Amino acid sequence: MKLLLPIIIAIAAIFANSTVSAQVYKCVDKDGKVQYSDIPPPADAKCGVAKKLDTRVASSPLELPPATSKAAIDSKANKDGKAKGKDSKDGPKTLADQSKDFNKRRADEADAAKKDAETERLAKAKQVRCTEFTNYLRDLETGQPLASSNEKGERVILDDAGRAAQIDRARTAMNESCK
């Protein structure tokens, strides 16, 4: 049983690497209806165009099927009347352009995240100041004796005039920070 599992995996790997190829025919009738089939249409069929389509699968992820190769894209561009070497707006972007666009999007997202974080930090700081001034104003309005320090560092109890001045300052600061 232990030997059977590696053999099955090896066989599956061999079949997985094989190239898949099938013939598919595309037939367009006189009304413009498209039909696909793996059987070629008979010669007497009422089919205007029957052509064999390429259905090969790339054997590696980096290999492009022939229909999308650089030469096929250039020849299609020339058939459409566009100058060779010029990229159309609808055409595929180069890897360098895709990388440049990705880096620009990433930088823009980082800038937006930085701005959002700064805005959030300022909002939190404003909320903290609002809470502090609201609490201080409530303490001033209770009428309880409050002490503060003067310029010399001495403890001074607020009198009614000092309390009124502090209430005015606290209300002004609270109104600014609690908007």
N, C-alpha and C. Protein backbone atom coordinates (compact mmCIF):
# COMPACT_ATOMS: atom_id res chain seq x y z
N MET A 1 0.83 -1.20 0.00
CA MET A 1 0.00 0.00 0.00
C MET A 1 0.87 1.26 0.00
N LYS A 2 1.98 1.23 0.77
CA LYS A 2 2.87 2.39 0.82
C LYS A 2 3.56 2.62 -0.52
N LEU A 3 3.79 1.58 -1.26
CA LEU A 3 4.45 1.69 -2.56
C LEU A 3 3.47 2.11 -3.65
N LEU A 4 2.21 1.83 -3.47
CA LEU A 4 1.20 2.13 -4.47
C LEU A 4 0.96 3.63 -4.63
N LEU A 5 0.97 4.35 -3.54
CA LEU A 5 0.70 5.79 -3.58
C LEU A 5 1.74 6.56 -4.39
N PRO A 6 3.04 6.35 -4.21
CA PRO A 6 4.01 7.08 -5.05
C PRO A 6 3.90 6.72 -6.53
N ILE A 7 3.52 5.48 -6.83
CA ILE A 7 3.37 5.09 -8.23
C ILE A 7 2.19 5.83 -8.86
N ILE A 8 1.10 5.91 -8.13
CA ILE A 8 -0.07 6.64 -8.64
C ILE A 8 0.26 8.11 -8.85
N ILE A 9 0.98 8.70 -7.92
CA ILE A 9 1.36 10.11 -8.05
C ILE A 9 2.27 10.31 -9.25
N ALA A 10 3.21 9.40 -9.48
CA ALA A 10 4.12 9.51 -10.62
C ALA A 10 3.36 9.41 -11.93
N ILE A 11 2.41 8.49 -12.02
CA ILE A 11 1.62 8.34 -13.25
C ILE A 11 0.77 9.58 -13.48
N ALA A 12 0.18 10.10 -12.42
CA ALA A 12 -0.64 11.32 -12.56
C ALA A 12 0.22 12.50 -13.02
N ALA A 13 1.45 12.60 -12.52
CA ALA A 13 2.34 13.68 -12.93
C ALA A 13 2.72 13.57 -14.39
N ILE A 14 2.92 12.34 -14.87
CA ILE A 14 3.27 12.14 -16.27
C ILE A 14 2.12 12.58 -17.17
N PHE A 15 0.91 12.18 -16.81
CA PHE A 15 -0.24 12.57 -17.63
C PHE A 15 -0.57 14.05 -17.50
N ALA A 16 -0.26 14.65 -16.37
CA ALA A 16 -0.54 16.08 -16.18
C ALA A 16 0.36 16.93 -17.06
N ASN A 17 1.57 16.49 -17.35
CA ASN A 17 2.49 17.27 -18.16
C ASN A 17 2.27 17.11 -19.66
N SER A 18 1.50 16.15 -20.06
CA SER A 18 1.29 15.96 -21.49
C SER A 18 0.45 17.10 -22.06
N THR A 19 0.70 17.44 -23.31
CA THR A 19 -0.01 18.52 -23.97
C THR A 19 -1.35 18.01 -24.47
N VAL A 20 -2.39 18.80 -24.19
CA VAL A 20 -3.73 18.44 -24.63
C VAL A 20 -3.97 19.10 -25.98
N SER A 21 -4.42 18.35 -26.95
CA SER A 21 -4.69 18.90 -28.26
C SER A 21 -5.95 18.25 -28.82
N ALA A 22 -6.83 19.07 -29.30
CA ALA A 22 -8.06 18.56 -29.91
C ALA A 22 -8.39 19.45 -31.09
N GLN A 23 -9.12 18.89 -32.03
CA GLN A 23 -9.54 19.67 -33.18
C GLN A 23 -10.95 20.16 -32.93
N VAL A 24 -11.13 21.46 -33.03
CA VAL A 24 -12.45 22.06 -32.88
C VAL A 24 -12.69 22.88 -34.13
N TYR A 25 -13.88 22.72 -34.68
CA TYR A 25 -14.24 23.43 -35.91
C TYR A 25 -15.30 24.47 -35.59
N LYS A 26 -15.14 25.61 -36.21
CA LYS A 26 -16.09 26.70 -36.05
C LYS A 26 -16.79 26.88 -37.39
N CYS A 27 -18.11 26.86 -37.35
CA CYS A 27 -18.89 26.95 -38.57
C CYS A 27 -19.88 28.10 -38.42
N VAL A 28 -19.87 29.02 -39.38
CA VAL A 28 -20.79 30.15 -39.37
C VAL A 28 -21.75 29.97 -40.54
N ASP A 29 -23.04 29.87 -40.26
CA ASP A 29 -24.00 29.66 -41.34
C ASP A 29 -24.41 30.99 -41.97
N LYS A 30 -25.29 30.95 -42.96
CA LYS A 30 -25.65 32.16 -43.70
C LYS A 30 -26.41 33.17 -42.85
N ASP A 31 -27.04 32.72 -41.74
CA ASP A 31 -27.74 33.63 -40.83
C ASP A 31 -26.83 34.24 -39.78
N GLY A 32 -25.58 33.82 -39.75
CA GLY A 32 -24.63 34.37 -38.80
C GLY A 32 -24.53 33.59 -37.51
N LYS A 33 -25.21 32.47 -37.40
CA LYS A 33 -25.12 31.64 -36.20
C LYS A 33 -23.81 30.87 -36.23
N VAL A 34 -23.17 30.82 -35.06
CA VAL A 34 -21.89 30.15 -34.93
C VAL A 34 -22.10 28.82 -34.22
N GLN A 35 -21.51 27.76 -34.79
CA GLN A 35 -21.60 26.43 -34.19
C GLN A 35 -20.19 25.89 -34.06
N TYR A 36 -19.92 25.27 -32.91
CA TYR A 36 -18.62 24.66 -32.66
C TYR A 36 -18.82 23.15 -32.60
N SER A 37 -17.86 22.42 -33.14
CA SER A 37 -17.95 20.97 -33.15
C SER A 37 -16.56 20.38 -33.25
N ASP A 38 -16.41 19.15 -32.72
CA ASP A 38 -15.14 18.46 -32.89
C ASP A 38 -15.14 17.59 -34.14
N ILE A 39 -16.25 17.57 -34.83
CA ILE A 39 -16.38 16.81 -36.07
C ILE A 39 -16.40 17.82 -37.23
N PRO A 40 -15.57 17.61 -38.25
CA PRO A 40 -15.58 18.57 -39.36
C PRO A 40 -16.93 18.54 -40.07
N PRO A 41 -17.41 19.69 -40.52
CA PRO A 41 -18.70 19.73 -41.20
C PRO A 41 -18.59 19.04 -42.56
N PRO A 42 -19.66 18.41 -43.01
CA PRO A 42 -19.62 17.77 -44.33
C PRO A 42 -19.45 18.82 -45.43
N ALA A 43 -18.94 18.39 -46.54
CA ALA A 43 -18.67 19.30 -47.65
C ALA A 43 -19.95 19.93 -48.17
N ASP A 44 -21.08 19.22 -48.11
CA ASP A 44 -22.33 19.76 -48.63
C ASP A 44 -23.13 20.52 -47.56
N ALA A 45 -22.50 20.81 -46.43
CA ALA A 45 -23.20 21.53 -45.36
C ALA A 45 -23.47 22.96 -45.78
N LYS A 46 -24.53 23.53 -45.25
CA LYS A 46 -24.89 24.92 -45.56
C LYS A 46 -24.13 25.85 -44.62
N CYS A 47 -22.83 25.72 -44.68
CA CYS A 47 -21.97 26.47 -43.78
C CYS A 47 -21.05 27.32 -44.63
N GLY A 48 -21.11 28.61 -44.41
CA GLY A 48 -20.30 29.51 -45.21
C GLY A 48 -18.82 29.35 -44.93
N VAL A 49 -18.42 29.31 -43.68
CA VAL A 49 -17.02 29.24 -43.31
C VAL A 49 -16.85 28.13 -42.29
N ALA A 50 -15.92 27.24 -42.52
CA ALA A 50 -15.58 26.22 -41.53
C ALA A 50 -14.08 26.24 -41.39
N LYS A 51 -13.61 26.55 -40.19
CA LYS A 51 -12.17 26.57 -40.02
C LYS A 51 -11.78 25.85 -38.74
N LYS A 52 -10.58 25.30 -38.78
CA LYS A 52 -10.06 24.56 -37.64
C LYS A 52 -9.47 25.56 -36.65
N LEU A 53 -9.85 25.42 -35.37
CA LEU A 53 -9.36 26.31 -34.34
C LEU A 53 -8.20 25.67 -33.60
N ASP A 54 -7.25 26.50 -33.16
CA ASP A 54 -6.11 26.01 -32.41
C ASP A 54 -6.49 25.92 -30.94
N THR A 55 -6.46 24.73 -30.38
CA THR A 55 -6.86 24.53 -28.99
C THR A 55 -5.72 23.97 -28.16
N ARG A 56 -4.49 24.20 -28.60
CA ARG A 56 -3.36 23.68 -27.85
C ARG A 56 -3.25 24.38 -26.50
N VAL A 57 -2.83 23.64 -25.51
CA VAL A 57 -2.63 24.18 -24.17
C VAL A 57 -1.14 24.36 -23.97
N ALA A 58 -0.76 25.47 -23.37
CA ALA A 58 0.65 25.73 -23.14
C ALA A 58 1.20 24.70 -22.16
N SER A 59 2.41 24.20 -22.44
CA SER A 59 3.01 23.20 -21.56
C SER A 59 3.63 23.83 -20.32
N SER A 60 3.88 25.12 -20.35
CA SER A 60 4.35 25.81 -19.16
C SER A 60 3.57 27.11 -19.03
N PRO A 61 3.45 27.64 -17.81
CA PRO A 61 2.66 28.87 -17.64
C PRO A 61 3.24 30.07 -18.36
N LEU A 62 4.53 30.05 -18.69
CA LEU A 62 5.13 31.20 -19.35
C LEU A 62 5.01 31.16 -20.86
N GLU A 63 4.66 30.02 -21.41
CA GLU A 63 4.55 29.87 -22.85
C GLU A 63 3.20 30.37 -23.32
N LEU A 64 3.21 31.23 -24.32
CA LEU A 64 1.96 31.76 -24.86
C LEU A 64 1.51 30.91 -26.03
N PRO A 65 0.22 30.70 -26.18
CA PRO A 65 -0.26 30.04 -27.39
C PRO A 65 0.05 30.92 -28.60
N PRO A 66 0.18 30.36 -29.78
CA PRO A 66 0.57 31.13 -30.96
C PRO A 66 -0.38 32.29 -31.27
N ALA A 67 -1.64 32.17 -30.98
CA ALA A 67 -2.60 33.21 -31.34
C ALA A 67 -2.38 34.49 -30.54
N THR A 68 -1.72 34.42 -29.37
CA THR A 68 -1.51 35.61 -28.57
C THR A 68 -0.05 36.00 -28.49
N SER A 69 0.76 35.52 -29.41
CA SER A 69 2.18 35.87 -29.40
C SER A 69 2.34 37.33 -29.82
N LYS A 70 3.52 37.88 -29.60
CA LYS A 70 3.82 39.27 -29.94
C LYS A 70 3.64 39.51 -31.44
N ALA A 71 4.08 38.56 -32.26
CA ALA A 71 3.96 38.71 -33.71
C ALA A 71 2.49 38.75 -34.14
N ALA A 72 1.66 37.90 -33.51
CA ALA A 72 0.24 37.88 -33.85
C ALA A 72 -0.43 39.18 -33.45
N ILE A 73 -0.05 39.72 -32.31
CA ILE A 73 -0.63 40.99 -31.87
C ILE A 73 -0.22 42.11 -32.80
N ASP A 74 1.08 42.14 -33.20
CA ASP A 74 1.54 43.17 -34.12
C ASP A 74 0.86 43.06 -35.48
N SER A 75 0.70 41.83 -35.98
CA SER A 75 0.07 41.67 -37.28
C SER A 75 -1.40 42.07 -37.22
N LYS A 76 -2.07 41.78 -36.10
CA LYS A 76 -3.47 42.20 -35.95
C LYS A 76 -3.56 43.72 -35.90
N ALA A 77 -2.61 44.35 -35.22
CA ALA A 77 -2.61 45.81 -35.14
C ALA A 77 -2.39 46.40 -36.53
N ASN A 78 -1.52 45.80 -37.32
CA ASN A 78 -1.28 46.31 -38.67
C ASN A 78 -2.51 46.12 -39.55
N LYS A 79 -3.22 45.02 -39.37
CA LYS A 79 -4.43 44.79 -40.17
C LYS A 79 -5.52 45.79 -39.81
N ASP A 80 -5.56 46.20 -38.54
CA ASP A 80 -6.57 47.15 -38.10
C ASP A 80 -6.22 48.58 -38.50
N GLY A 81 -5.07 48.78 -39.11
CA GLY A 81 -4.69 50.10 -39.59
C GLY A 81 -3.93 50.92 -38.58
N LYS A 82 -3.46 50.30 -37.52
CA LYS A 82 -2.70 51.03 -36.52
C LYS A 82 -1.23 50.88 -36.82
N ALA A 83 -0.46 51.89 -36.47
CA ALA A 83 0.98 51.86 -36.74
C ALA A 83 1.66 50.84 -35.87
N LYS A 84 2.67 50.19 -36.45
CA LYS A 84 3.41 49.15 -35.72
C LYS A 84 4.24 49.82 -34.63
N GLY A 85 4.23 49.20 -33.44
CA GLY A 85 5.03 49.72 -32.34
C GLY A 85 4.24 50.63 -31.42
N LYS A 86 3.12 51.13 -31.85
CA LYS A 86 2.31 51.99 -30.98
C LYS A 86 1.32 51.13 -30.23
N ASP A 87 1.24 51.35 -28.94
CA ASP A 87 0.28 50.61 -28.12
C ASP A 87 -1.06 51.31 -28.20
N SER A 88 -2.10 50.54 -28.37
CA SER A 88 -3.44 51.12 -28.36
C SER A 88 -3.91 51.20 -26.92
N LYS A 89 -4.90 52.01 -26.67
CA LYS A 89 -5.45 52.16 -25.32
C LYS A 89 -6.07 50.86 -24.84
N ASP A 90 -6.62 50.07 -25.76
CA ASP A 90 -7.28 48.83 -25.40
C ASP A 90 -6.31 47.65 -25.37
N GLY A 91 -5.10 47.83 -25.85
CA GLY A 91 -4.14 46.74 -25.94
C GLY A 91 -3.59 46.35 -24.58
N PRO A 92 -2.91 45.24 -24.52
CA PRO A 92 -2.36 44.79 -23.24
C PRO A 92 -1.22 45.69 -22.78
N LYS A 93 -1.13 45.88 -21.47
CA LYS A 93 -0.06 46.70 -20.91
C LYS A 93 1.19 45.85 -20.76
N THR A 94 2.31 46.52 -20.83
CA THR A 94 3.57 45.81 -20.63
C THR A 94 3.73 45.54 -19.14
N LEU A 95 4.64 44.66 -18.82
CA LEU A 95 4.90 44.31 -17.43
C LEU A 95 5.40 45.53 -16.66
N ALA A 96 6.20 46.36 -17.31
CA ALA A 96 6.71 47.56 -16.65
C ALA A 96 5.56 48.52 -16.32
N ASP A 97 4.61 48.68 -17.26
CA ASP A 97 3.46 49.55 -17.01
C ASP A 97 2.59 48.99 -15.90
N GLN A 98 2.39 47.68 -15.90
CA GLN A 98 1.59 47.07 -14.85
C GLN A 98 2.26 47.25 -13.49
N SER A 99 3.56 47.09 -13.45
CA SER A 99 4.31 47.26 -12.20
C SER A 99 4.25 48.70 -11.72
N LYS A 100 4.38 49.64 -12.67
CA LYS A 100 4.31 51.06 -12.34
C LYS A 100 2.93 51.41 -11.79
N ASP A 101 1.87 50.91 -12.43
CA ASP A 101 0.51 51.15 -11.95
C ASP A 101 0.30 50.55 -10.56
N PHE A 102 0.80 49.33 -10.35
CA PHE A 102 0.66 48.67 -9.06
C PHE A 102 1.36 49.47 -7.97
N ASN A 103 2.61 49.91 -8.24
CA ASN A 103 3.35 50.69 -7.25
C ASN A 103 2.67 52.01 -6.95
N LYS A 104 2.08 52.63 -7.96
CA LYS A 104 1.37 53.89 -7.75
C LYS A 104 0.13 53.66 -6.88
N ARG A 105 -0.62 52.59 -7.18
CA ARG A 105 -1.80 52.28 -6.36
C ARG A 105 -1.40 51.98 -4.91
N ARG A 106 -0.31 51.24 -4.75
CA ARG A 106 0.14 50.90 -3.41
C ARG A 106 0.58 52.15 -2.64
N ALA A 107 1.27 53.07 -3.31
CA ALA A 107 1.70 54.31 -2.66
C ALA A 107 0.48 55.17 -2.30
N ASP A 108 -0.50 55.23 -3.21
CA ASP A 108 -1.72 56.00 -2.92
C ASP A 108 -2.48 55.41 -1.74
N GLU A 109 -2.55 54.08 -1.68
CA GLU A 109 -3.22 53.43 -0.55
C GLU A 109 -2.49 53.69 0.75
N ALA A 110 -1.15 53.69 0.71
CA ALA A 110 -0.36 53.97 1.91
C ALA A 110 -0.58 55.40 2.37
N ASP A 111 -0.61 56.35 1.41
CA ASP A 111 -0.87 57.75 1.76
C ASP A 111 -2.26 57.92 2.37
N ALA A 112 -3.24 57.25 1.78
CA ALA A 112 -4.60 57.34 2.31
C ALA A 112 -4.68 56.74 3.71
N ALA A 113 -3.99 55.62 3.92
CA ALA A 113 -3.99 54.99 5.25
C ALA A 113 -3.31 55.90 6.26
N LYS A 114 -2.22 56.56 5.84
CA LYS A 114 -1.52 57.48 6.74
C LYS A 114 -2.42 58.66 7.11
N LYS A 115 -3.12 59.21 6.13
CA LYS A 115 -4.03 60.33 6.39
C LYS A 115 -5.17 59.89 7.31
N ASP A 116 -5.71 58.69 7.07
CA ASP A 116 -6.78 58.18 7.92
C ASP A 116 -6.30 58.00 9.36
N ALA A 117 -5.08 57.47 9.53
CA ALA A 117 -4.53 57.26 10.86
C ALA A 117 -4.32 58.60 11.57
N GLU A 118 -3.82 59.60 10.85
CA GLU A 118 -3.60 60.92 11.44
C GLU A 118 -4.94 61.57 11.82
N THR A 119 -5.92 61.43 10.95
CA THR A 119 -7.25 61.98 11.25
C THR A 119 -7.85 61.30 12.47
N GLU A 120 -7.68 60.00 12.56
CA GLU A 120 -8.21 59.26 13.71
C GLU A 120 -7.48 59.66 15.00
N ARG A 121 -6.15 59.84 14.91
CA ARG A 121 -5.38 60.26 16.09
C ARG A 121 -5.82 61.63 16.58
N LEU A 122 -6.02 62.56 15.64
CA LEU A 122 -6.48 63.89 16.02
C LEU A 122 -7.88 63.86 16.62
N ALA A 123 -8.75 63.04 16.07
CA ALA A 123 -10.10 62.92 16.60
C ALA A 123 -10.09 62.37 18.03
N LYS A 124 -9.23 61.36 18.28
CA LYS A 124 -9.12 60.81 19.63
C LYS A 124 -8.58 61.85 20.61
N ALA A 125 -7.56 62.61 20.18
CA ALA A 125 -6.99 63.65 21.05
C ALA A 125 -8.04 64.72 21.35
N LYS A 126 -8.82 65.07 20.35
CA LYS A 126 -9.87 66.07 20.55
C LYS A 126 -10.92 65.55 21.52
N GLN A 127 -11.26 64.26 21.40
CA GLN A 127 -12.24 63.66 22.31
C GLN A 127 -11.71 63.63 23.74
N VAL A 128 -10.43 63.35 23.91
CA VAL A 128 -9.82 63.34 25.26
C VAL A 128 -9.86 64.74 25.86
N ARG A 129 -9.48 65.76 25.06
CA ARG A 129 -9.53 67.15 25.55
C ARG A 129 -10.95 67.54 25.92
N CYS A 130 -11.92 67.15 25.11
CA CYS A 130 -13.32 67.46 25.39
C CYS A 130 -13.74 66.85 26.73
N THR A 131 -13.37 65.60 26.96
CA THR A 131 -13.72 64.93 28.22
C THR A 131 -13.04 65.62 29.40
N GLU A 132 -11.76 65.99 29.26
CA GLU A 132 -11.04 66.65 30.35
C GLU A 132 -11.67 68.00 30.68
N PHE A 133 -11.97 68.81 29.67
CA PHE A 133 -12.56 70.12 29.93
C PHE A 133 -13.97 69.99 30.50
N THR A 134 -14.73 69.01 30.03
CA THR A 134 -16.08 68.78 30.56
C THR A 134 -16.00 68.43 32.05
N ASN A 135 -15.06 67.54 32.41
CA ASN A 135 -14.90 67.16 33.82
C ASN A 135 -14.43 68.35 34.66
N TYR A 136 -13.50 69.12 34.15
CA TYR A 136 -12.99 70.29 34.88
C TYR A 136 -14.10 71.33 35.09
N LEU A 137 -14.91 71.55 34.05
CA LEU A 137 -16.01 72.50 34.18
C LEU A 137 -17.02 72.00 35.21
N ARG A 138 -17.31 70.72 35.20
CA ARG A 138 -18.23 70.16 36.18
C ARG A 138 -17.67 70.35 37.60
N ASP A 139 -16.37 70.13 37.79
CA ASP A 139 -15.75 70.34 39.11
C ASP A 139 -15.83 71.79 39.54
N LEU A 140 -15.63 72.72 38.59
CA LEU A 140 -15.71 74.15 38.92
C LEU A 140 -17.13 74.55 39.31
N GLU A 141 -18.12 74.00 38.63
CA GLU A 141 -19.51 74.40 38.86
C GLU A 141 -20.12 73.78 40.10
N THR A 142 -19.48 72.78 40.71
CA THR A 142 -20.03 72.16 41.92
C THR A 142 -19.96 73.09 43.12
N GLY A 143 -19.06 74.03 43.13
CA GLY A 143 -18.93 74.95 44.25
C GLY A 143 -17.97 74.46 45.31
N GLN A 144 -17.41 73.30 45.15
CA GLN A 144 -16.43 72.80 46.13
C GLN A 144 -15.15 73.62 46.03
N PRO A 145 -14.48 73.78 47.12
CA PRO A 145 -13.22 74.55 47.08
C PRO A 145 -12.18 73.83 46.21
N LEU A 146 -11.58 74.58 45.32
CA LEU A 146 -10.53 74.04 44.45
C LEU A 146 -9.25 74.82 44.67
N ALA A 147 -8.15 74.10 44.63
CA ALA A 147 -6.85 74.74 44.84
C ALA A 147 -6.05 74.65 43.55
N SER A 148 -5.20 75.63 43.36
CA SER A 148 -4.27 75.63 42.24
C SER A 148 -2.94 76.16 42.74
N SER A 149 -1.96 76.16 41.88
CA SER A 149 -0.63 76.67 42.26
C SER A 149 -0.39 77.98 41.56
N ASN A 150 0.24 78.92 42.26
CA ASN A 150 0.58 80.19 41.64
C ASN A 150 1.97 80.11 41.02
N GLU A 151 2.53 81.26 40.59
CA GLU A 151 3.82 81.28 39.90
C GLU A 151 4.96 80.83 40.81
N LYS A 152 4.82 81.04 42.12
CA LYS A 152 5.87 80.67 43.07
C LYS A 152 5.76 79.20 43.47
N GLY A 153 4.68 78.54 43.05
CA GLY A 153 4.49 77.15 43.41
C GLY A 153 3.70 76.97 44.70
N GLU A 154 3.17 78.09 45.22
CA GLU A 154 2.38 78.02 46.45
C GLU A 154 0.96 77.60 46.12
N ARG A 155 0.35 76.92 47.06
CA ARG A 155 -1.01 76.45 46.88
C ARG A 155 -1.97 77.60 47.20
N VAL A 156 -2.89 77.87 46.23
CA VAL A 156 -3.86 78.96 46.38
C VAL A 156 -5.24 78.38 46.13
N ILE A 157 -6.19 78.69 47.03
CA ILE A 157 -7.57 78.25 46.86
C ILE A 157 -8.29 79.29 46.01
N LEU A 158 -9.05 78.81 45.02
CA LEU A 158 -9.75 79.71 44.11
C LEU A 158 -10.87 80.44 44.85
N ASP A 159 -10.88 81.75 44.66
CA ASP A 159 -12.00 82.52 45.20
C ASP A 159 -13.09 82.61 44.14
N ASP A 160 -14.17 83.31 44.41
CA ASP A 160 -15.29 83.36 43.47
C ASP A 160 -14.90 84.02 42.13
N ALA A 161 -14.08 85.06 42.16
CA ALA A 161 -13.65 85.73 40.92
C ALA A 161 -12.75 84.80 40.09
N GLY A 162 -11.83 84.10 40.75
CA GLY A 162 -10.95 83.16 40.06
C GLY A 162 -11.73 81.98 39.50
N ARG A 163 -12.75 81.55 40.28
CA ARG A 163 -13.59 80.44 39.82
C ARG A 163 -14.37 80.84 38.57
N ALA A 164 -14.92 82.06 38.56
CA ALA A 164 -15.69 82.54 37.41
C ALA A 164 -14.79 82.64 36.17
N ALA A 165 -13.55 83.11 36.35
CA ALA A 165 -12.62 83.21 35.23
C ALA A 165 -12.27 81.82 34.70
N GLN A 166 -12.05 80.87 35.61
CA GLN A 166 -11.74 79.51 35.19
C GLN A 166 -12.93 78.86 34.50
N ILE A 167 -14.16 79.14 34.96
CA ILE A 167 -15.36 78.59 34.31
C ILE A 167 -15.46 79.11 32.89
N ASP A 168 -15.21 80.42 32.69
CA ASP A 168 -15.26 81.00 31.34
C ASP A 168 -14.21 80.35 30.43
N ARG A 169 -12.98 80.18 30.92
CA ARG A 169 -11.92 79.55 30.12
C ARG A 169 -12.27 78.10 29.80
N ALA A 170 -12.80 77.38 30.78
CA ALA A 170 -13.14 75.97 30.58
C ALA A 170 -14.28 75.83 29.57
N ARG A 171 -15.28 76.71 29.65
CA ARG A 171 -16.39 76.65 28.67
C ARG A 171 -15.88 76.93 27.26
N THR A 172 -15.04 77.94 27.12
CA THR A 172 -14.50 78.27 25.79
C THR A 172 -13.69 77.10 25.23
N ALA A 173 -12.83 76.52 26.04
CA ALA A 173 -12.01 75.39 25.60
C ALA A 173 -12.87 74.18 25.31
N MET A 174 -13.91 73.94 26.11
CA MET A 174 -14.80 72.81 25.89
C MET A 174 -15.57 72.99 24.59
N ASN A 175 -16.06 74.21 24.35
CA ASN A 175 -16.79 74.45 23.09
C ASN A 175 -15.91 74.24 21.86
N GLU A 176 -14.64 74.59 21.94
CA GLU A 176 -13.72 74.39 20.82
C GLU A 176 -13.40 72.93 20.60
N SER A 177 -13.21 72.19 21.69
CA SER A 177 -12.76 70.80 21.55
C SER A 177 -13.93 69.81 21.43
N CYS A 178 -15.14 70.22 21.76
CA CYS A 178 -16.28 69.28 21.70
C CYS A 178 -17.17 69.52 20.50
N LYS A 179 -16.67 70.14 19.47
CA LYS A 179 -17.47 70.38 18.26
C LYS A 179 -17.73 69.10 17.55
